[in-house]
Structure formats: C-alpha cells, structure tokens
Amino acid sequence: MSMNTDTAKRYFELMDDPDTGTEQVLKLYADNAIVRSPRKGTIRGKEDIEAFYDANADFFTGGQHVMEAFHEDGNVVICEGTLDGETVEGRTFEGIGLVDIMRFDDDGKIEEFRAYLDYSAILTEVQENPPSFRDDIPTPEQ
C-alpha cells in the first residue's frame, strides 16, 4: 500500500472522528487544492475548503464512512464506500453510496478531491421537500 492510499484512509478516519477539527483534515491538502462537490461545485484554496468543511459540519451532526475499496493508479486514489449519518434535524440515513477521487501532488498532499455522493438519496430520506444546497437555485416554496 502506498503513502497516497494511506493518506486517503487517514482522511476517512479523521472525518469519522468526532474529536477531529477541520484543521487536522486540512493538513492533508496542498495549499492550492481544489475540491469538487456535488453540493457546492468547485471550491479553490484552503481557506474556502475550510469554510466548506465547516458548513458540512453544520449539516451533518454525525457520520460514519464504510469504505469498501481503494484503487490506486499513479497519483490518483479512487475510494469507494457508503455513508451512514445524521442531519441536524435528527434524521438518519444509511448506506448512501459514495465515490471519492483524490489526486495527490509529489509531496503526498491532496491537490484535487472530487466527491460523488448520492445527495438525492439523503434528501429523499431526510424530508419531503428538500432544500436546495446550490446557492444559484431557488428553494421551492414551502
């Protein structure tokens, strides 16, 4: 197993540890990193990535990744698994499919993180009239 796969595994350990702060996760990222999220689009640089993780912490009160496989090709690690969790409203969900693709720089830092998470399954399970998580799409009238 390579350093990059070890770092990918460490990422999920940190994300699942309730005592971990955002700053510990950010140490895994390169300074000029990019995160591509189905919920927020493209996030560039550590400052905006930090704000993104803080916002996620406000939405998900708890979560556990069940990682099934890590596939490495060059400087890319593809991470497959599922997510169990709970939202701030106390609604729980289980087995939500995810694939995260991490591209690493020569120093073993994440320079690009692409998240593919089935948010529609979370929102369908969470509430009948889900909010929009994209800033540019208006929320349906309640």
N, C-alpha and C. Protein backbone atom coordinates (compact mmCIF):
# COMPACT_ATOMS: atom_id res chain seq x y z
N MET A 1 0.85 -1.18 0.00
CA MET A 1 0.00 0.00 0.00
C MET A 1 0.89 1.24 0.00
N SER A 2 0.48 2.23 -0.73
CA SER A 2 1.33 3.41 -0.88
C SER A 2 0.96 4.50 0.12
N MET A 3 1.82 5.50 0.15
CA MET A 3 1.58 6.66 1.01
C MET A 3 0.26 7.35 0.64
N ASN A 4 -0.04 7.44 -0.65
CA ASN A 4 -1.28 8.12 -1.05
C ASN A 4 -2.51 7.36 -0.56
N THR A 5 -2.51 6.04 -0.68
CA THR A 5 -3.64 5.26 -0.18
C THR A 5 -3.74 5.38 1.34
N ASP A 6 -2.59 5.37 2.01
CA ASP A 6 -2.59 5.57 3.47
C ASP A 6 -3.22 6.92 3.83
N THR A 7 -2.88 7.96 3.08
CA THR A 7 -3.44 9.29 3.33
C THR A 7 -4.94 9.29 3.08
N ALA A 8 -5.38 8.62 2.02
CA ALA A 8 -6.83 8.53 1.74
C ALA A 8 -7.56 7.85 2.89
N LYS A 9 -7.00 6.76 3.39
CA LYS A 9 -7.62 6.06 4.53
C LYS A 9 -7.63 6.96 5.77
N ARG A 10 -6.55 7.69 5.97
CA ARG A 10 -6.47 8.61 7.12
C ARG A 10 -7.54 9.69 7.01
N TYR A 11 -7.80 10.16 5.80
CA TYR A 11 -8.84 11.17 5.59
C TYR A 11 -10.18 10.70 6.16
N PHE A 12 -10.57 9.46 5.84
CA PHE A 12 -11.86 8.97 6.31
C PHE A 12 -11.85 8.71 7.82
N GLU A 13 -10.72 8.30 8.37
CA GLU A 13 -10.61 8.16 9.82
C GLU A 13 -10.84 9.50 10.51
N LEU A 14 -10.20 10.54 9.99
CA LEU A 14 -10.36 11.87 10.57
C LEU A 14 -11.79 12.37 10.42
N MET A 15 -12.39 12.15 9.26
CA MET A 15 -13.76 12.62 9.03
C MET A 15 -14.76 11.94 9.98
N ASP A 16 -14.47 10.70 10.37
CA ASP A 16 -15.39 9.96 11.22
C ASP A 16 -15.14 10.16 12.71
N ASP A 17 -14.03 10.82 13.06
CA ASP A 17 -13.68 11.02 14.46
C ASP A 17 -14.33 12.31 14.96
N PRO A 18 -15.27 12.22 15.91
CA PRO A 18 -15.96 13.43 16.37
C PRO A 18 -15.03 14.43 17.05
N ASP A 19 -13.84 13.99 17.47
CA ASP A 19 -12.91 14.89 18.13
C ASP A 19 -11.95 15.59 17.16
N THR A 20 -12.05 15.25 15.88
CA THR A 20 -11.16 15.84 14.88
C THR A 20 -11.69 17.21 14.47
N GLY A 21 -10.79 18.18 14.40
CA GLY A 21 -11.15 19.51 13.91
C GLY A 21 -10.84 19.63 12.44
N THR A 22 -11.46 20.62 11.80
CA THR A 22 -11.24 20.87 10.38
C THR A 22 -9.76 21.06 10.06
N GLU A 23 -9.02 21.70 10.98
CA GLU A 23 -7.60 21.98 10.71
C GLU A 23 -6.79 20.70 10.52
N GLN A 24 -7.18 19.60 11.20
CA GLN A 24 -6.46 18.34 11.02
C GLN A 24 -6.71 17.76 9.63
N VAL A 25 -7.93 17.88 9.15
CA VAL A 25 -8.26 17.41 7.80
C VAL A 25 -7.52 18.27 6.76
N LEU A 26 -7.47 19.58 7.00
CA LEU A 26 -6.83 20.49 6.05
C LEU A 26 -5.34 20.21 5.89
N LYS A 27 -4.70 19.64 6.91
CA LYS A 27 -3.28 19.31 6.82
C LYS A 27 -3.00 18.29 5.71
N LEU A 28 -4.02 17.53 5.30
CA LEU A 28 -3.86 16.54 4.24
C LEU A 28 -3.87 17.19 2.86
N TYR A 29 -4.29 18.45 2.78
CA TYR A 29 -4.46 19.15 1.50
C TYR A 29 -3.25 20.00 1.15
N ALA A 30 -2.97 20.08 -0.15
CA ALA A 30 -1.99 21.04 -0.67
C ALA A 30 -2.57 22.45 -0.55
N ASP A 31 -1.70 23.46 -0.51
CA ASP A 31 -2.16 24.84 -0.34
C ASP A 31 -3.08 25.29 -1.46
N ASN A 32 -2.82 24.83 -2.68
CA ASN A 32 -3.60 25.27 -3.84
C ASN A 32 -4.66 24.23 -4.24
N ALA A 33 -5.12 23.46 -3.27
CA ALA A 33 -6.04 22.35 -3.56
C ALA A 33 -7.37 22.83 -4.12
N ILE A 34 -8.02 21.91 -4.81
CA ILE A 34 -9.36 22.13 -5.36
C ILE A 34 -10.25 20.99 -4.86
N VAL A 35 -11.46 21.33 -4.40
CA VAL A 35 -12.47 20.33 -4.07
C VAL A 35 -13.64 20.53 -5.02
N ARG A 36 -14.09 19.44 -5.60
CA ARG A 36 -15.28 19.49 -6.47
C ARG A 36 -16.38 18.69 -5.79
N SER A 37 -17.44 19.39 -5.42
CA SER A 37 -18.52 18.80 -4.63
C SER A 37 -19.84 18.86 -5.39
N PRO A 38 -20.66 17.80 -5.30
CA PRO A 38 -21.97 17.86 -5.95
C PRO A 38 -22.89 18.89 -5.30
N ARG A 39 -22.55 19.31 -4.09
CA ARG A 39 -23.41 20.24 -3.35
C ARG A 39 -23.01 21.68 -3.57
N LYS A 40 -21.71 21.95 -3.76
CA LYS A 40 -21.24 23.33 -3.83
C LYS A 40 -20.40 23.65 -5.05
N GLY A 41 -20.25 22.71 -5.97
CA GLY A 41 -19.45 23.00 -7.15
C GLY A 41 -17.96 22.97 -6.83
N THR A 42 -17.20 23.88 -7.44
CA THR A 42 -15.74 23.89 -7.30
C THR A 42 -15.33 24.86 -6.21
N ILE A 43 -14.52 24.35 -5.27
CA ILE A 43 -14.01 25.14 -4.16
C ILE A 43 -12.49 25.17 -4.29
N ARG A 44 -11.90 26.36 -4.31
CA ARG A 44 -10.46 26.50 -4.56
C ARG A 44 -9.75 27.11 -3.36
N GLY A 45 -8.64 26.48 -2.95
CA GLY A 45 -7.79 27.02 -1.90
C GLY A 45 -8.23 26.61 -0.51
N LYS A 46 -7.26 26.54 0.39
CA LYS A 46 -7.53 26.01 1.74
C LYS A 46 -8.55 26.83 2.53
N GLU A 47 -8.56 28.15 2.34
CA GLU A 47 -9.48 28.98 3.11
C GLU A 47 -10.93 28.64 2.76
N ASP A 48 -11.24 28.55 1.47
CA ASP A 48 -12.60 28.21 1.05
C ASP A 48 -12.94 26.75 1.35
N ILE A 49 -11.93 25.87 1.28
CA ILE A 49 -12.16 24.47 1.63
C ILE A 49 -12.50 24.36 3.11
N GLU A 50 -11.84 25.14 3.94
CA GLU A 50 -12.14 25.14 5.37
C GLU A 50 -13.60 25.56 5.61
N ALA A 51 -14.03 26.61 4.93
CA ALA A 51 -15.42 27.08 5.08
C ALA A 51 -16.40 26.00 4.62
N PHE A 52 -16.05 25.27 3.56
CA PHE A 52 -16.90 24.18 3.06
C PHE A 52 -17.04 23.08 4.12
N TYR A 53 -15.93 22.68 4.74
CA TYR A 53 -15.99 21.63 5.77
C TYR A 53 -16.76 22.11 6.99
N ASP A 54 -16.61 23.37 7.36
CA ASP A 54 -17.35 23.90 8.50
C ASP A 54 -18.85 23.89 8.21
N ALA A 55 -19.24 24.22 6.97
CA ALA A 55 -20.66 24.19 6.59
C ALA A 55 -21.19 22.75 6.62
N ASN A 56 -20.38 21.80 6.16
CA ASN A 56 -20.78 20.39 6.22
C ASN A 56 -21.03 19.96 7.65
N ALA A 57 -20.17 20.43 8.56
CA ALA A 57 -20.32 20.06 9.97
C ALA A 57 -21.61 20.62 10.55
N ASP A 58 -22.11 21.72 9.97
CA ASP A 58 -23.37 22.28 10.43
C ASP A 58 -24.57 21.49 9.90
N PHE A 59 -24.39 20.77 8.81
CA PHE A 59 -25.50 20.00 8.21
C PHE A 59 -25.53 18.57 8.75
N PHE A 60 -24.36 17.93 8.80
CA PHE A 60 -24.27 16.56 9.29
C PHE A 60 -23.80 16.59 10.74
N THR A 61 -24.62 16.09 11.67
CA THR A 61 -24.20 16.08 13.07
C THR A 61 -23.37 14.85 13.39
N GLY A 62 -23.46 13.85 12.58
CA GLY A 62 -22.67 12.64 12.80
C GLY A 62 -22.56 11.90 11.50
N GLY A 63 -21.53 11.09 11.36
CA GLY A 63 -21.38 10.32 10.13
C GLY A 63 -20.34 9.25 10.29
N GLN A 64 -20.52 8.18 9.53
CA GLN A 64 -19.56 7.09 9.54
C GLN A 64 -19.41 6.59 8.11
N HIS A 65 -18.18 6.62 7.61
CA HIS A 65 -17.89 6.08 6.29
C HIS A 65 -17.62 4.59 6.42
N VAL A 66 -18.18 3.82 5.52
CA VAL A 66 -17.86 2.39 5.43
C VAL A 66 -17.14 2.23 4.10
N MET A 67 -15.82 2.27 4.14
CA MET A 67 -15.03 2.24 2.92
C MET A 67 -14.77 0.81 2.50
N GLU A 68 -15.12 0.51 1.24
CA GLU A 68 -15.06 -0.86 0.75
C GLU A 68 -13.82 -1.14 -0.08
N ALA A 69 -13.29 -0.12 -0.79
CA ALA A 69 -12.14 -0.36 -1.66
C ALA A 69 -11.41 0.94 -1.95
N PHE A 70 -10.09 0.80 -2.14
CA PHE A 70 -9.23 1.90 -2.56
C PHE A 70 -8.46 1.41 -3.78
N HIS A 71 -8.59 2.12 -4.89
CA HIS A 71 -7.91 1.75 -6.14
C HIS A 71 -6.91 2.85 -6.46
N GLU A 72 -5.66 2.48 -6.62
CA GLU A 72 -4.63 3.49 -6.89
C GLU A 72 -4.07 3.33 -8.29
N ASP A 73 -3.93 4.47 -8.98
CA ASP A 73 -3.33 4.48 -10.30
C ASP A 73 -2.48 5.74 -10.39
N GLY A 74 -1.16 5.59 -10.35
CA GLY A 74 -0.29 6.75 -10.36
C GLY A 74 -0.53 7.59 -9.12
N ASN A 75 -0.83 8.88 -9.32
CA ASN A 75 -1.05 9.77 -8.18
C ASN A 75 -2.53 9.94 -7.84
N VAL A 76 -3.38 9.02 -8.34
CA VAL A 76 -4.82 9.09 -8.10
C VAL A 76 -5.26 7.89 -7.27
N VAL A 77 -6.09 8.17 -6.25
CA VAL A 77 -6.70 7.09 -5.45
C VAL A 77 -8.21 7.25 -5.54
N ILE A 78 -8.88 6.18 -5.97
CA ILE A 78 -10.34 6.16 -6.05
C ILE A 78 -10.83 5.39 -4.83
N CYS A 79 -11.71 6.03 -4.06
CA CYS A 79 -12.18 5.49 -2.79
C CYS A 79 -13.67 5.18 -2.92
N GLU A 80 -14.04 3.92 -2.70
CA GLU A 80 -15.44 3.51 -2.82
C GLU A 80 -15.99 3.12 -1.47
N GLY A 81 -17.22 3.52 -1.21
CA GLY A 81 -17.84 3.12 0.05
C GLY A 81 -19.24 3.66 0.18
N THR A 82 -19.70 3.66 1.43
CA THR A 82 -21.03 4.19 1.74
C THR A 82 -20.92 5.09 2.96
N LEU A 83 -21.96 5.87 3.19
CA LEU A 83 -22.00 6.80 4.31
C LEU A 83 -23.28 6.58 5.10
N ASP A 84 -23.11 6.43 6.40
CA ASP A 84 -24.24 6.43 7.33
C ASP A 84 -24.15 7.73 8.11
N GLY A 85 -25.27 8.33 8.46
CA GLY A 85 -25.15 9.58 9.20
C GLY A 85 -26.45 10.10 9.73
N GLU A 86 -26.35 11.33 10.25
CA GLU A 86 -27.49 12.01 10.84
C GLU A 86 -27.37 13.49 10.52
N THR A 87 -28.51 14.12 10.27
CA THR A 87 -28.51 15.55 9.99
C THR A 87 -28.85 16.32 11.26
N VAL A 88 -28.70 17.65 11.18
CA VAL A 88 -29.01 18.49 12.33
C VAL A 88 -30.46 18.34 12.78
N GLU A 89 -31.33 17.95 11.86
CA GLU A 89 -32.74 17.76 12.20
C GLU A 89 -32.98 16.43 12.91
N GLY A 90 -31.92 15.62 13.05
CA GLY A 90 -32.07 14.34 13.74
C GLY A 90 -32.53 13.21 12.83
N ARG A 91 -32.57 13.46 11.52
CA ARG A 91 -32.95 12.40 10.58
C ARG A 91 -31.70 11.58 10.25
N THR A 92 -31.87 10.28 10.20
CA THR A 92 -30.72 9.42 9.93
C THR A 92 -30.83 8.81 8.53
N PHE A 93 -29.69 8.40 8.00
CA PHE A 93 -29.65 7.72 6.71
C PHE A 93 -28.54 6.68 6.77
N GLU A 94 -28.68 5.65 5.96
CA GLU A 94 -27.71 4.56 5.96
C GLU A 94 -27.39 4.12 4.54
N GLY A 95 -26.13 3.74 4.34
CA GLY A 95 -25.73 3.10 3.08
C GLY A 95 -25.81 3.98 1.86
N ILE A 96 -25.59 5.30 2.03
CA ILE A 96 -25.61 6.21 0.88
C ILE A 96 -24.31 6.01 0.10
N GLY A 97 -24.42 5.70 -1.18
CA GLY A 97 -23.24 5.40 -1.99
C GLY A 97 -22.36 6.61 -2.22
N LEU A 98 -21.04 6.37 -2.20
CA LEU A 98 -20.11 7.45 -2.50
C LEU A 98 -18.88 6.90 -3.22
N VAL A 99 -18.33 7.75 -4.05
CA VAL A 99 -17.01 7.53 -4.66
C VAL A 99 -16.28 8.86 -4.53
N ASP A 100 -15.12 8.81 -3.91
CA ASP A 100 -14.28 10.00 -3.80
C ASP A 100 -13.00 9.73 -4.58
N ILE A 101 -12.61 10.69 -5.39
CA ILE A 101 -11.39 10.57 -6.18
C ILE A 101 -10.41 11.64 -5.69
N MET A 102 -9.25 11.18 -5.22
CA MET A 102 -8.23 12.09 -4.71
C MET A 102 -7.02 12.04 -5.62
N ARG A 103 -6.58 13.22 -6.05
CA ARG A 103 -5.33 13.32 -6.82
C ARG A 103 -4.29 13.99 -5.93
N PHE A 104 -3.12 13.37 -5.84
CA PHE A 104 -2.08 13.81 -4.92
C PHE A 104 -0.94 14.50 -5.66
N ASP A 105 -0.28 15.43 -4.97
CA ASP A 105 0.92 16.04 -5.53
C ASP A 105 2.14 15.18 -5.15
N ASP A 106 3.31 15.62 -5.55
CA ASP A 106 4.53 14.84 -5.31
C ASP A 106 4.89 14.76 -3.83
N ASP A 107 4.31 15.63 -3.01
CA ASP A 107 4.57 15.62 -1.57
C ASP A 107 3.55 14.78 -0.79
N GLY A 108 2.65 14.10 -1.52
CA GLY A 108 1.66 13.27 -0.85
C GLY A 108 0.49 14.05 -0.28
N LYS A 109 0.29 15.29 -0.75
CA LYS A 109 -0.85 16.10 -0.31
C LYS A 109 -1.96 16.03 -1.35
N ILE A 110 -3.20 16.11 -0.89
CA ILE A 110 -4.34 16.09 -1.81
C ILE A 110 -4.37 17.42 -2.57
N GLU A 111 -4.27 17.35 -3.90
CA GLU A 111 -4.35 18.59 -4.68
C GLU A 111 -5.70 18.73 -5.38
N GLU A 112 -6.40 17.60 -5.55
CA GLU A 112 -7.76 17.67 -6.07
C GLU A 112 -8.57 16.55 -5.43
N PHE A 113 -9.75 16.92 -4.96
CA PHE A 113 -10.67 15.98 -4.33
C PHE A 113 -12.01 16.11 -5.05
N ARG A 114 -12.44 15.03 -5.69
CA ARG A 114 -13.74 15.03 -6.37
C ARG A 114 -14.67 14.09 -5.63
N ALA A 115 -15.76 14.63 -5.11
CA ALA A 115 -16.71 13.85 -4.32
C ALA A 115 -17.94 13.54 -5.16
N TYR A 116 -18.30 12.28 -5.17
CA TYR A 116 -19.53 11.82 -5.82
C TYR A 116 -20.35 11.12 -4.75
N LEU A 117 -21.35 11.83 -4.23
CA LEU A 117 -22.18 11.32 -3.14
C LEU A 117 -23.63 11.44 -3.56
N ASP A 118 -24.41 10.42 -3.28
CA ASP A 118 -25.81 10.41 -3.70
C ASP A 118 -26.64 11.26 -2.74
N TYR A 119 -26.52 12.61 -2.90
CA TYR A 119 -27.27 13.52 -2.04
C TYR A 119 -28.77 13.36 -2.20
N SER A 120 -29.23 12.99 -3.40
CA SER A 120 -30.68 12.84 -3.59
C SER A 120 -31.23 11.77 -2.66
N ALA A 121 -30.46 10.72 -2.42
CA ALA A 121 -30.92 9.67 -1.50
C ALA A 121 -30.98 10.20 -0.08
N ILE A 122 -30.01 11.02 0.30
CA ILE A 122 -30.03 11.60 1.65
C ILE A 122 -31.25 12.50 1.79
N LEU A 123 -31.45 13.38 0.82
CA LEU A 123 -32.53 14.36 0.93
C LEU A 123 -33.90 13.70 0.85
N THR A 124 -34.03 12.67 0.03
CA THR A 124 -35.30 11.95 -0.06
C THR A 124 -35.62 11.32 1.28
N GLU A 125 -34.61 10.78 1.92
CA GLU A 125 -34.80 10.15 3.21
C GLU A 125 -34.99 11.18 4.32
N VAL A 126 -34.40 12.34 4.14
CA VAL A 126 -34.41 13.35 5.19
C VAL A 126 -35.75 14.06 5.30
N GLN A 127 -36.28 14.51 4.18
CA GLN A 127 -37.52 15.28 4.26
C GLN A 127 -38.24 15.27 2.92
N GLU A 128 -39.54 15.57 2.99
CA GLU A 128 -40.34 15.53 1.78
C GLU A 128 -39.99 16.65 0.81
N ASN A 129 -39.70 17.83 1.34
CA ASN A 129 -39.45 18.99 0.50
C ASN A 129 -38.03 19.47 0.74
N PRO A 130 -37.03 18.82 0.12
CA PRO A 130 -35.64 19.13 0.46
C PRO A 130 -35.24 20.54 0.05
N PRO A 131 -34.37 21.15 0.84
CA PRO A 131 -33.86 22.47 0.46
C PRO A 131 -32.86 22.33 -0.67
N SER A 132 -32.64 23.43 -1.35
CA SER A 132 -31.59 23.46 -2.36
C SER A 132 -30.28 23.76 -1.66
N PHE A 133 -29.22 23.03 -2.03
CA PHE A 133 -27.92 23.31 -1.46
C PHE A 133 -27.04 24.06 -2.43
N ARG A 134 -27.56 24.39 -3.58
CA ARG A 134 -26.83 25.21 -4.54
C ARG A 134 -27.31 26.64 -4.37
N ASP A 135 -26.36 27.55 -4.22
CA ASP A 135 -26.73 28.94 -3.97
C ASP A 135 -27.52 29.55 -5.12
N ASP A 136 -27.30 29.04 -6.34
CA ASP A 136 -27.90 29.67 -7.50
C ASP A 136 -29.26 29.07 -7.90
N ILE A 137 -29.75 28.10 -7.12
CA ILE A 137 -31.04 27.50 -7.44
C ILE A 137 -32.01 27.85 -6.33
N PRO A 138 -33.12 28.52 -6.65
CA PRO A 138 -34.06 28.92 -5.58
C PRO A 138 -34.70 27.69 -4.94
N THR A 139 -34.97 27.80 -3.65
CA THR A 139 -35.65 26.73 -2.91
C THR A 139 -37.13 26.79 -3.27
N PRO A 140 -37.77 25.63 -3.49
CA PRO A 140 -39.21 25.63 -3.79
C PRO A 140 -40.00 26.25 -2.64
N GLU A 141 -41.11 26.86 -2.97
CA GLU A 141 -41.96 27.46 -1.94
C GLU A 141 -42.50 26.36 -1.03
N GLN A 142 -42.47 26.59 0.25
CA GLN A 142 -42.95 25.58 1.23
C GLN A 142 -44.47 25.66 1.33
